[in-house]
């Protein structure tokens, strides 16, 4: 959606980009499971209501992984580590 709206520019189409990223050894794609979905509605502190952002943050918290984002709402949330 970000590509379609012009908010994210890639040097190739999305499918090719995802296939290229999947080849990077330290990157892995994970499905959203029931545990992530449930925990996303019970995040600590005050976080906005966007369900996709909540699942992204929950996944990062469960993996103890930092998020690479410029999203100010996510970066301002003190319960997840961000890079950028």
C-alpha atoms as a PDB file:
ATOM      1  CA  UNK A   1       0.000   0.000   0.000  1.00  0.00           C
ATOM      2  CA  UNK A   2       2.870   2.390   0.737  1.00  0.00           C
ATOM      3  CA  UNK A   3       4.324   1.753  -2.703  1.00  0.00           C
ATOM      4  CA  UNK A   4       0.953   2.222  -4.368  1.00  0.00           C
ATOM      5  CA  UNK A   5       0.454   5.511  -2.531  1.00  0.00           C
ATOM      6  CA  UNK A   6       3.930   6.752  -3.389  1.00  0.00           C
ATOM      7  CA  UNK A   7       5.057   6.849   0.245  1.00  0.00           C
ATOM      8  CA  UNK A   8       7.687   4.148  -0.359  1.00  0.00           C
ATOM      9  CA  UNK A   9       9.820   3.903  -3.484  1.00  0.00           C
ATOM     10  CA  UNK A  10      11.439   0.588  -4.424  1.00  0.00           C
ATOM     11  CA  UNK A  11      13.873  -0.102  -7.247  1.00  0.00           C
ATOM     12  CA  UNK A  12      11.836  -3.153  -8.313  1.00  0.00           C
ATOM     13  CA  UNK A  13       8.289  -4.436  -7.987  1.00  0.00           C
ATOM     14  CA  UNK A  14       7.135  -5.538  -4.545  1.00  0.00           C
ATOM     15  CA  UNK A  15       7.250  -9.294  -5.264  1.00  0.00           C
ATOM     16  CA  UNK A  16      10.836  -9.084  -6.530  1.00  0.00           C
ATOM     17  CA  UNK A  17      11.818  -6.894  -3.570  1.00  0.00           C
ATOM     18  CA  UNK A  18      10.361  -9.353  -1.058  1.00  0.00           C
ATOM     19  CA  UNK A  19      12.106 -12.274  -2.791  1.00  0.00           C
ATOM     20  CA  UNK A  20      15.400 -10.377  -2.671  1.00  0.00           C
ATOM     21  CA  UNK A  21      15.001  -9.482   1.003  1.00  0.00           C
ATOM     22  CA  UNK A  22      14.093 -13.094   1.848  1.00  0.00           C
ATOM     23  CA  UNK A  23      17.555 -14.154   0.653  1.00  0.00           C
ATOM     24  CA  UNK A  24      19.281 -12.069   3.341  1.00  0.00           C
ATOM     25  CA  UNK A  25      20.511 -14.434   6.057  1.00  0.00           C
ATOM     26  CA  UNK A  26      19.520 -12.265   9.027  1.00  0.00           C
ATOM     27  CA  UNK A  27      16.023 -11.511   7.727  1.00  0.00           C
ATOM     28  CA  UNK A  28      13.065 -13.801   8.178  1.00  0.00           C
ATOM     29  CA  UNK A  29       9.378 -13.422   7.530  1.00  0.00           C
ATOM     30  CA  UNK A  30       7.033 -14.584  10.268  1.00  0.00           C
ATOM     31  CA  UNK A  31       3.296 -15.165  10.100  1.00  0.00           C
ATOM     32  CA  UNK A  32       0.991 -13.322  12.444  1.00  0.00           C
ATOM     33  CA  UNK A  33      -0.397 -15.980  14.751  1.00  0.00           C
ATOM     34  CA  UNK A  34      -3.148 -15.976  17.354  1.00  0.00           C
ATOM     35  CA  UNK A  35      -0.688 -15.138  20.151  1.00  0.00           C
ATOM     36  CA  UNK A  36       0.497 -12.003  18.378  1.00  0.00           C
ATOM     37  CA  UNK A  37      -3.070 -10.981  17.569  1.00  0.00           C
ATOM     38  CA  UNK A  38      -4.186 -11.361  21.200  1.00  0.00           C
ATOM     39  CA  UNK A  39      -1.156  -9.584  22.666  1.00  0.00           C
ATOM     40  CA  UNK A  40      -1.541  -6.721  20.200  1.00  0.00           C
ATOM     41  CA  UNK A  41      -4.716  -5.591  21.952  1.00  0.00           C
ATOM     42  CA  UNK A  42      -3.021  -5.614  25.362  1.00  0.00           C
ATOM     43  CA  UNK A  43       0.130  -3.580  24.769  1.00  0.00           C
ATOM     44  CA  UNK A  44       1.495  -1.827  27.864  1.00  0.00           C
ATOM     45  CA  UNK A  45       1.168   1.914  28.183  1.00  0.00           C
ATOM     46  CA  UNK A  46      -0.551   4.161  25.686  1.00  0.00           C
ATOM     47  CA  UNK A  47      -0.300   3.195  22.018  1.00  0.00           C
ATOM     48  CA  UNK A  48      -2.501   4.230  19.121  1.00  0.00           C
ATOM     49  CA  UNK A  49      -5.266   1.992  17.740  1.00  0.00           C
ATOM     50  CA  UNK A  50      -3.925   1.036  14.273  1.00  0.00           C
ATOM     51  CA  UNK A  51      -4.183  -2.793  14.262  1.00  0.00           C
ATOM     52  CA  UNK A  52      -1.320  -3.310  11.791  1.00  0.00           C
ATOM     53  CA  UNK A  53       1.063  -1.141  13.837  1.00  0.00           C
ATOM     54  CA  UNK A  54      -0.013  -2.936  17.005  1.00  0.00           C
ATOM     55  CA  UNK A  55       0.805  -6.343  15.466  1.00  0.00           C
ATOM     56  CA  UNK A  56       4.150  -5.079  14.162  1.00  0.00           C
ATOM     57  CA  UNK A  57       5.091  -3.727  17.598  1.00  0.00           C
ATOM     58  CA  UNK A  58       3.885  -6.888  19.342  1.00  0.00           C
ATOM     59  CA  UNK A  59       5.934  -9.084  17.023  1.00  0.00           C
ATOM     60  CA  UNK A  60       9.062  -7.004  17.670  1.00  0.00           C
ATOM     61  CA  UNK A  61       8.473  -7.177  21.420  1.00  0.00           C
ATOM     62  CA  UNK A  62       7.977 -10.959  21.348  1.00  0.00           C
ATOM     63  CA  UNK A  63      11.234 -11.384  19.400  1.00  0.00           C
ATOM     64  CA  UNK A  64      13.102  -8.726  21.410  1.00  0.00           C
ATOM     65  CA  UNK A  65      13.967  -7.229  18.016  1.00  0.00           C
ATOM     66  CA  UNK A  66      14.313  -3.555  17.123  1.00  0.00           C
ATOM     67  CA  UNK A  67      12.098  -2.037  14.453  1.00  0.00           C
ATOM     68  CA  UNK A  68      13.504  -0.045  11.566  1.00  0.00           C
ATOM     69  CA  UNK A  69      10.927   2.684  11.089  1.00  0.00           C
ATOM     70  CA  UNK A  70      10.478   6.376  10.657  1.00  0.00           C
ATOM     71  CA  UNK A  71       6.908   6.169  11.984  1.00  0.00           C
ATOM     72  CA  UNK A  72       6.841   8.749  14.765  1.00  0.00           C
ATOM     73  CA  UNK A  73       4.026   7.036  16.669  1.00  0.00           C
ATOM     74  CA  UNK A  74       5.987   3.793  16.863  1.00  0.00           C
ATOM     75  CA  UNK A  75       9.265   5.585  17.618  1.00  0.00           C
ATOM     76  CA  UNK A  76       7.600   7.480  20.491  1.00  0.00           C
ATOM     77  CA  UNK A  77       6.294   4.279  22.068  1.00  0.00           C
ATOM     78  CA  UNK A  78       8.709   3.495  24.920  1.00  0.00           C
ATOM     79  CA  UNK A  79       7.950  -0.239  25.038  1.00  0.00           C
ATOM     80  CA  UNK A  80       9.675  -1.155  21.748  1.00  0.00           C
ATOM     81  CA  UNK A  81      13.189  -0.400  20.514  1.00  0.00           C
ATOM     82  CA  UNK A  82      13.446   1.367  17.171  1.00  0.00           C
ATOM     83  CA  UNK A  83      16.278   2.152  14.766  1.00  0.00           C
ATOM     84  CA  UNK A  84      16.465   5.098  12.392  1.00  0.00           C
END
